[in-house]
């Protein structure tokens, strides 16, 4: 199995240091991207990085989860499953407000509930093995609904076609949370029993980090 990590908005590969240090036995890559480059530009770059790779399992945080969901839909049987952490499948209502003051911010436009990546994700069915961790702690005074400091609980619970696991931590703590780590391992084990199209000769894929500005670790 090939584990693909995708971080959240304005984060880095280091977000997953804790999870990666406790998750071994699989080939892995971490995709880095610039949110302001545009969701679909990043999406195409990520697809090129995954070209030729099968038996893929995604571990993604926040906005990275929306990317993982789109990628899984595109990859079809090449994707074994995934787990997303604090991902706003219903979009960010707060982004709609902030976008009024920062109209040139692509990421704010794209992650609002009416943003194209959010709307299109809503039309896609979840892969058979897919989990979203809902983070319950934390609260931003700029978000009226119950939230984890960044994302509303309602947005994280938006989808009914995936497993939802609630954890008492905030939006940023989840990537270093022991219970979240347990859920990651459980999902990997579950996905390992899913039959996918795989190339038994493929041990590790050589990736070009220069493709579309993508960085692969």
C-alpha atoms as a PDB file:
ATOM      1  CA  UNK A   1       0.000   0.000   0.000  1.00  0.00           C
ATOM      2  CA  UNK A   2       1.144   3.536  -0.776  1.00  0.00           C
ATOM      3  CA  UNK A   3       0.227   6.134   1.841  1.00  0.00           C
ATOM      4  CA  UNK A   4      -0.221   9.667   0.535  1.00  0.00           C
ATOM      5  CA  UNK A   5      -0.273  12.543   3.035  1.00  0.00           C
ATOM      6  CA  UNK A   6      -1.844  15.905   2.152  1.00  0.00           C
ATOM      7  CA  UNK A   7      -1.596  18.786   4.621  1.00  0.00           C
ATOM      8  CA  UNK A   8      -4.078  21.594   5.240  1.00  0.00           C
ATOM      9  CA  UNK A   9      -4.179  25.191   4.061  1.00  0.00           C
ATOM     10  CA  UNK A  10      -0.880  27.049   4.624  1.00  0.00           C
ATOM     11  CA  UNK A  11       0.588  24.061   6.470  1.00  0.00           C
ATOM     12  CA  UNK A  12       3.600  21.908   5.554  1.00  0.00           C
ATOM     13  CA  UNK A  13       4.679  18.288   5.423  1.00  0.00           C
ATOM     14  CA  UNK A  14       5.818  18.590   9.037  1.00  0.00           C
ATOM     15  CA  UNK A  15       2.148  18.502  10.073  1.00  0.00           C
ATOM     16  CA  UNK A  16       2.335  14.729   9.803  1.00  0.00           C
ATOM     17  CA  UNK A  17       5.600  14.106  11.653  1.00  0.00           C
ATOM     18  CA  UNK A  18       3.811  12.468  14.600  1.00  0.00           C
ATOM     19  CA  UNK A  19       1.564  10.235  12.502  1.00  0.00           C
ATOM     20  CA  UNK A  20       4.370   9.290  10.127  1.00  0.00           C
ATOM     21  CA  UNK A  21       6.712   8.396  12.983  1.00  0.00           C
ATOM     22  CA  UNK A  22       4.123   5.888  14.246  1.00  0.00           C
ATOM     23  CA  UNK A  23       2.994   4.551  10.874  1.00  0.00           C
ATOM     24  CA  UNK A  24       5.461   2.271   9.137  1.00  0.00           C
ATOM     25  CA  UNK A  25       5.555  -0.673   6.789  1.00  0.00           C
ATOM     26  CA  UNK A  26       4.247   1.175   3.736  1.00  0.00           C
ATOM     27  CA  UNK A  27       5.692   3.296   0.971  1.00  0.00           C
ATOM     28  CA  UNK A  28       4.711   6.912   1.543  1.00  0.00           C
ATOM     29  CA  UNK A  29       4.851  10.358   0.025  1.00  0.00           C
ATOM     30  CA  UNK A  30       3.808  13.764   1.320  1.00  0.00           C
ATOM     31  CA  UNK A  31       2.346  16.196  -1.174  1.00  0.00           C
ATOM     32  CA  UNK A  32       2.892  19.889  -0.513  1.00  0.00           C
ATOM     33  CA  UNK A  33       1.043  22.651  -2.313  1.00  0.00           C
ATOM     34  CA  UNK A  34       0.271  26.373  -2.298  1.00  0.00           C
ATOM     35  CA  UNK A  35      -3.440  27.009  -1.724  1.00  0.00           C
ATOM     36  CA  UNK A  36      -3.315  30.318  -3.563  1.00  0.00           C
ATOM     37  CA  UNK A  37      -2.177  28.532  -6.724  1.00  0.00           C
ATOM     38  CA  UNK A  38      -5.767  27.370  -7.080  1.00  0.00           C
ATOM     39  CA  UNK A  39      -7.456  24.123  -6.105  1.00  0.00           C
ATOM     40  CA  UNK A  40      -7.616  22.664  -9.597  1.00  0.00           C
ATOM     41  CA  UNK A  41      -4.065  23.624 -10.521  1.00  0.00           C
ATOM     42  CA  UNK A  42      -2.940  21.812  -7.384  1.00  0.00           C
ATOM     43  CA  UNK A  43      -5.253  18.912  -8.176  1.00  0.00           C
ATOM     44  CA  UNK A  44      -3.668  18.384 -11.587  1.00  0.00           C
ATOM     45  CA  UNK A  45      -0.197  18.582 -10.085  1.00  0.00           C
ATOM     46  CA  UNK A  46      -1.088  15.988  -7.468  1.00  0.00           C
ATOM     47  CA  UNK A  47      -2.500  13.660 -10.106  1.00  0.00           C
ATOM     48  CA  UNK A  48       0.760  13.849 -12.018  1.00  0.00           C
ATOM     49  CA  UNK A  49       2.679  13.008  -8.850  1.00  0.00           C
ATOM     50  CA  UNK A  50       0.496   9.922  -8.380  1.00  0.00           C
ATOM     51  CA  UNK A  51       0.759   8.793 -11.981  1.00  0.00           C
ATOM     52  CA  UNK A  52       1.497   5.068 -12.179  1.00  0.00           C
ATOM     53  CA  UNK A  53       0.768   4.474  -8.509  1.00  0.00           C
ATOM     54  CA  UNK A  54      -1.897   2.011  -7.325  1.00  0.00           C
ATOM     55  CA  UNK A  55      -3.195   0.820  -3.958  1.00  0.00           C
ATOM     56  CA  UNK A  56      -3.249   4.373  -2.593  1.00  0.00           C
ATOM     57  CA  UNK A  57      -4.431   5.306   0.895  1.00  0.00           C
ATOM     58  CA  UNK A  58      -4.870   8.980   1.773  1.00  0.00           C
ATOM     59  CA  UNK A  59      -4.214  10.610   5.130  1.00  0.00           C
ATOM     60  CA  UNK A  60      -5.187  14.261   4.899  1.00  0.00           C
ATOM     61  CA  UNK A  61      -5.854  17.226   7.172  1.00  0.00           C
ATOM     62  CA  UNK A  62      -8.459  19.965   6.726  1.00  0.00           C
ATOM     63  CA  UNK A  63      -8.401  21.348   3.149  1.00  0.00           C
ATOM     64  CA  UNK A  64      -6.066  18.493   2.262  1.00  0.00           C
ATOM     65  CA  UNK A  65      -9.033  16.204   2.825  1.00  0.00           C
ATOM     66  CA  UNK A  66     -11.000  17.925   0.065  1.00  0.00           C
ATOM     67  CA  UNK A  67      -8.038  17.366  -2.228  1.00  0.00           C
ATOM     68  CA  UNK A  68      -7.843  13.714  -1.162  1.00  0.00           C
ATOM     69  CA  UNK A  69     -11.566  13.230  -1.803  1.00  0.00           C
ATOM     70  CA  UNK A  70     -11.326  14.668  -5.328  1.00  0.00           C
ATOM     71  CA  UNK A  71      -8.228  12.591  -6.038  1.00  0.00           C
ATOM     72  CA  UNK A  72      -9.889   9.414  -4.775  1.00  0.00           C
ATOM     73  CA  UNK A  73     -12.848  10.035  -7.076  1.00  0.00           C
ATOM     74  CA  UNK A  74     -10.534  10.520 -10.044  1.00  0.00           C
ATOM     75  CA  UNK A  75      -8.332   7.515  -9.228  1.00  0.00           C
ATOM     76  CA  UNK A  76     -11.228   5.098  -8.788  1.00  0.00           C
ATOM     77  CA  UNK A  77     -10.015   1.563  -8.095  1.00  0.00           C
ATOM     78  CA  UNK A  78      -6.451   2.785  -7.724  1.00  0.00           C
ATOM     79  CA  UNK A  79      -7.510   4.240  -4.356  1.00  0.00           C
ATOM     80  CA  UNK A  80      -7.880   1.795  -1.462  1.00  0.00           C
ATOM     81  CA  UNK A  81      -9.393   4.383   0.896  1.00  0.00           C
ATOM     82  CA  UNK A  82      -8.523   7.240   3.172  1.00  0.00           C
ATOM     83  CA  UNK A  83      -8.958   9.092   6.430  1.00  0.00           C
ATOM     84  CA  UNK A  84      -9.371  12.845   6.683  1.00  0.00           C
ATOM     85  CA  UNK A  85      -8.850  14.908   9.811  1.00  0.00           C
ATOM     86  CA  UNK A  86     -11.096  17.904  10.521  1.00  0.00           C
ATOM     87  CA  UNK A  87     -12.058  18.268   6.873  1.00  0.00           C
ATOM     88  CA  UNK A  88     -14.884  20.744   6.087  1.00  0.00           C
ATOM     89  CA  UNK A  89     -16.889  18.753   3.549  1.00  0.00           C
ATOM     90  CA  UNK A  90     -19.667  21.330   3.802  1.00  0.00           C
ATOM     91  CA  UNK A  91     -17.296  24.226   3.167  1.00  0.00           C
ATOM     92  CA  UNK A  92     -16.501  27.211   5.362  1.00  0.00           C
ATOM     93  CA  UNK A  93     -19.210  29.811   5.910  1.00  0.00           C
ATOM     94  CA  UNK A  94     -16.620  32.042   7.586  1.00  0.00           C
ATOM     95  CA  UNK A  95     -14.630  32.032   4.341  1.00  0.00           C
ATOM     96  CA  UNK A  96     -17.610  33.590   2.575  1.00  0.00           C
ATOM     97  CA  UNK A  97     -17.489  36.538   4.972  1.00  0.00           C
ATOM     98  CA  UNK A  98     -13.718  36.971   4.943  1.00  0.00           C
ATOM     99  CA  UNK A  99     -13.688  36.727   1.146  1.00  0.00           C
ATOM    100  CA  UNK A 100     -15.649  39.984   1.051  1.00  0.00           C
ATOM    101  CA  UNK A 101     -12.597  41.712   2.515  1.00  0.00           C
ATOM    102  CA  UNK A 102     -10.062  39.643   0.567  1.00  0.00           C
ATOM    103  CA  UNK A 103     -11.776  39.183  -2.802  1.00  0.00           C
ATOM    104  CA  UNK A 104      -8.568  38.136  -4.552  1.00  0.00           C
ATOM    105  CA  UNK A 105      -7.924  35.182  -2.237  1.00  0.00           C
ATOM    106  CA  UNK A 106      -8.498  32.069  -4.310  1.00  0.00           C
ATOM    107  CA  UNK A 107      -8.560  29.702  -1.377  1.00  0.00           C
ATOM    108  CA  UNK A 108     -11.253  31.687   0.462  1.00  0.00           C
ATOM    109  CA  UNK A 109     -13.410  31.688  -2.652  1.00  0.00           C
ATOM    110  CA  UNK A 110     -12.915  27.979  -3.195  1.00  0.00           C
ATOM    111  CA  UNK A 111     -13.579  26.700   0.338  1.00  0.00           C
ATOM    112  CA  UNK A 112     -16.842  28.573   0.967  1.00  0.00           C
ATOM    113  CA  UNK A 113     -19.992  26.398   0.783  1.00  0.00           C
ATOM    114  CA  UNK A 114     -20.715  27.606  -2.758  1.00  0.00           C
ATOM    115  CA  UNK A 115     -17.102  27.136  -3.875  1.00  0.00           C
ATOM    116  CA  UNK A 116     -16.626  24.859  -6.863  1.00  0.00           C
ATOM    117  CA  UNK A 117     -14.411  22.254  -5.107  1.00  0.00           C
ATOM    118  CA  UNK A 118     -16.954  21.928  -2.277  1.00  0.00           C
ATOM    119  CA  UNK A 119     -19.977  21.740  -4.583  1.00  0.00           C
ATOM    120  CA  UNK A 120     -18.349  19.194  -6.873  1.00  0.00           C
ATOM    121  CA  UNK A 121     -17.213  17.057  -3.936  1.00  0.00           C
ATOM    122  CA  UNK A 122     -20.847  16.971  -2.824  1.00  0.00           C
ATOM    123  CA  UNK A 123     -21.742  15.258  -6.086  1.00  0.00           C
ATOM    124  CA  UNK A 124     -19.131  12.539  -5.599  1.00  0.00           C
ATOM    125  CA  UNK A 125     -19.768   9.370  -3.656  1.00  0.00           C
ATOM    126  CA  UNK A 126     -17.358   8.475  -0.883  1.00  0.00           C
ATOM    127  CA  UNK A 127     -14.982   5.543  -1.467  1.00  0.00           C
ATOM    128  CA  UNK A 128     -15.873   2.355   0.395  1.00  0.00           C
ATOM    129  CA  UNK A 129     -13.272   2.881   3.112  1.00  0.00           C
ATOM    130  CA  UNK A 130     -13.368   6.534   4.124  1.00  0.00           C
ATOM    131  CA  UNK A 131     -13.390   8.232   7.527  1.00  0.00           C
ATOM    132  CA  UNK A 132     -13.554  11.844   8.649  1.00  0.00           C
ATOM    133  CA  UNK A 133     -12.451  12.736  12.160  1.00  0.00           C
ATOM    134  CA  UNK A 134     -14.666  15.427  13.679  1.00  0.00           C
ATOM    135  CA  UNK A 135     -12.722  17.591  16.129  1.00  0.00           C
ATOM    136  CA  UNK A 136     -14.924  18.811  18.973  1.00  0.00           C
ATOM    137  CA  UNK A 137     -12.718  21.130  21.057  1.00  0.00           C
ATOM    138  CA  UNK A 138     -11.666  24.695  20.420  1.00  0.00           C
ATOM    139  CA  UNK A 139     -13.797  27.672  19.469  1.00  0.00           C
ATOM    140  CA  UNK A 140     -13.230  30.699  17.286  1.00  0.00           C
ATOM    141  CA  UNK A 141     -15.187  33.844  18.231  1.00  0.00           C
ATOM    142  CA  UNK A 142     -15.370  34.671  14.523  1.00  0.00           C
ATOM    143  CA  UNK A 143     -17.445  31.560  13.787  1.00  0.00           C
ATOM    144  CA  UNK A 144     -20.993  31.656  15.150  1.00  0.00           C
ATOM    145  CA  UNK A 145     -21.702  27.916  15.007  1.00  0.00           C
ATOM    146  CA  UNK A 146     -19.980  25.341  17.242  1.00  0.00           C
ATOM    147  CA  UNK A 147     -16.507  24.856  15.801  1.00  0.00           C
ATOM    148  CA  UNK A 148     -13.030  23.450  16.434  1.00  0.00           C
ATOM    149  CA  UNK A 149     -11.323  26.816  16.192  1.00  0.00           C
ATOM    150  CA  UNK A 150     -11.411  26.828  12.400  1.00  0.00           C
ATOM    151  CA  UNK A 151     -14.120  24.561  10.975  1.00  0.00           C
ATOM    152  CA  UNK A 152     -17.724  24.136  12.112  1.00  0.00           C
ATOM    153  CA  UNK A 153     -18.820  20.784  13.466  1.00  0.00           C
ATOM    154  CA  UNK A 154     -21.726  20.838  11.011  1.00  0.00           C
ATOM    155  CA  UNK A 155     -19.330  21.091   8.066  1.00  0.00           C
ATOM    156  CA  UNK A 156     -17.228  18.188   9.333  1.00  0.00           C
ATOM    157  CA  UNK A 157     -20.422  16.138   9.794  1.00  0.00           C
ATOM    158  CA  UNK A 158     -21.810  17.189   6.430  1.00  0.00           C
ATOM    159  CA  UNK A 159     -21.453  13.830   4.705  1.00  0.00           C
ATOM    160  CA  UNK A 160     -23.549  10.830   5.611  1.00  0.00           C
ATOM    161  CA  UNK A 161     -21.772   8.349   3.340  1.00  0.00           C
ATOM    162  CA  UNK A 162     -18.563   7.989   5.360  1.00  0.00           C
ATOM    163  CA  UNK A 163     -17.594   6.973   8.862  1.00  0.00           C
ATOM    164  CA  UNK A 164     -17.469   9.904  11.279  1.00  0.00           C
ATOM    165  CA  UNK A 165     -15.343   9.651  14.417  1.00  0.00           C
ATOM    166  CA  UNK A 166     -15.561  12.392  17.044  1.00  0.00           C
ATOM    167  CA  UNK A 167     -12.443  13.302  19.031  1.00  0.00           C
ATOM    168  CA  UNK A 168     -12.116  15.862  21.816  1.00  0.00           C
ATOM    169  CA  UNK A 169      -9.305  18.029  20.437  1.00  0.00           C
ATOM    170  CA  UNK A 170      -9.069  21.129  18.290  1.00  0.00           C
ATOM    171  CA  UNK A 171      -8.390  21.641  14.600  1.00  0.00           C
ATOM    172  CA  UNK A 172      -4.615  21.676  14.916  1.00  0.00           C
ATOM    173  CA  UNK A 173      -4.107  19.201  17.768  1.00  0.00           C
ATOM    174  CA  UNK A 174      -5.712  16.367  15.813  1.00  0.00           C
ATOM    175  CA  UNK A 175      -2.551  15.605  13.817  1.00  0.00           C
ATOM    176  CA  UNK A 176      -0.783  14.821  17.110  1.00  0.00           C
ATOM    177  CA  UNK A 177      -3.661  13.113  18.877  1.00  0.00           C
ATOM    178  CA  UNK A 178      -3.278   9.501  20.075  1.00  0.00           C
ATOM    179  CA  UNK A 179      -6.913   8.597  19.397  1.00  0.00           C
ATOM    180  CA  UNK A 180      -6.662  10.022  15.893  1.00  0.00           C
ATOM    181  CA  UNK A 181      -3.550   7.904  15.357  1.00  0.00           C
ATOM    182  CA  UNK A 182      -5.491   4.801  16.403  1.00  0.00           C
ATOM    183  CA  UNK A 183      -8.201   5.640  13.868  1.00  0.00           C
ATOM    184  CA  UNK A 184      -5.567   6.115  11.178  1.00  0.00           C
ATOM    185  CA  UNK A 185      -4.157   2.664  11.877  1.00  0.00           C
ATOM    186  CA  UNK A 186      -7.612   1.096  11.975  1.00  0.00           C
ATOM    187  CA  UNK A 187      -8.497   2.621   8.612  1.00  0.00           C
ATOM    188  CA  UNK A 188      -5.248   1.426   7.043  1.00  0.00           C
ATOM    189  CA  UNK A 189      -5.909  -2.124   8.219  1.00  0.00           C
ATOM    190  CA  UNK A 190      -9.466  -1.980   6.896  1.00  0.00           C
ATOM    191  CA  UNK A 191      -8.350  -0.614   3.533  1.00  0.00           C
ATOM    192  CA  UNK A 192      -5.649  -3.261   3.207  1.00  0.00           C
ATOM    193  CA  UNK A 193      -8.403  -5.845   2.764  1.00  0.00           C
ATOM    194  CA  UNK A 194      -9.925  -3.988  -0.192  1.00  0.00           C
ATOM    195  CA  UNK A 195      -9.112  -5.382  -3.618  1.00  0.00           C
ATOM    196  CA  UNK A 196      -7.599  -2.753  -5.905  1.00  0.00           C
ATOM    197  CA  UNK A 197      -5.786  -2.772  -9.216  1.00  0.00           C
ATOM    198  CA  UNK A 198      -2.150  -3.096  -8.178  1.00  0.00           C
ATOM    199  CA  UNK A 199       1.217  -3.514  -9.834  1.00  0.00           C
ATOM    200  CA  UNK A 200       3.192  -6.093  -7.820  1.00  0.00           C
ATOM    201  CA  UNK A 201       6.437  -4.867  -9.388  1.00  0.00           C
ATOM    202  CA  UNK A 202       5.922  -1.321  -8.127  1.00  0.00           C
ATOM    203  CA  UNK A 203       7.964  -0.841  -4.963  1.00  0.00           C
ATOM    204  CA  UNK A 204       8.372   2.930  -4.927  1.00  0.00           C
ATOM    205  CA  UNK A 205       7.389   5.515  -7.470  1.00  0.00           C
ATOM    206  CA  UNK A 206       9.916   8.071  -8.645  1.00  0.00           C
ATOM    207  CA  UNK A 207       8.238  11.465  -8.498  1.00  0.00           C
ATOM    208  CA  UNK A 208       9.236  14.788  -9.957  1.00  0.00           C
ATOM    209  CA  UNK A 209       8.745  17.485  -7.281  1.00  0.00           C
ATOM    210  CA  UNK A 210       8.948  20.218  -9.897  1.00  0.00           C
ATOM    211  CA  UNK A 211       5.681  19.170 -11.491  1.00  0.00           C
ATOM    212  CA  UNK A 212       3.181  22.022 -11.219  1.00  0.00           C
ATOM    213  CA  UNK A 213       4.949  23.390  -8.181  1.00  0.00           C
ATOM    214  CA  UNK A 214       4.350  20.250  -6.156  1.00  0.00           C
ATOM    215  CA  UNK A 215       6.803  19.176  -3.474  1.00  0.00           C
ATOM    216  CA  UNK A 216       7.107  15.482  -2.726  1.00  0.00           C
ATOM    217  CA  UNK A 217       8.972  14.191   0.324  1.00  0.00           C
END
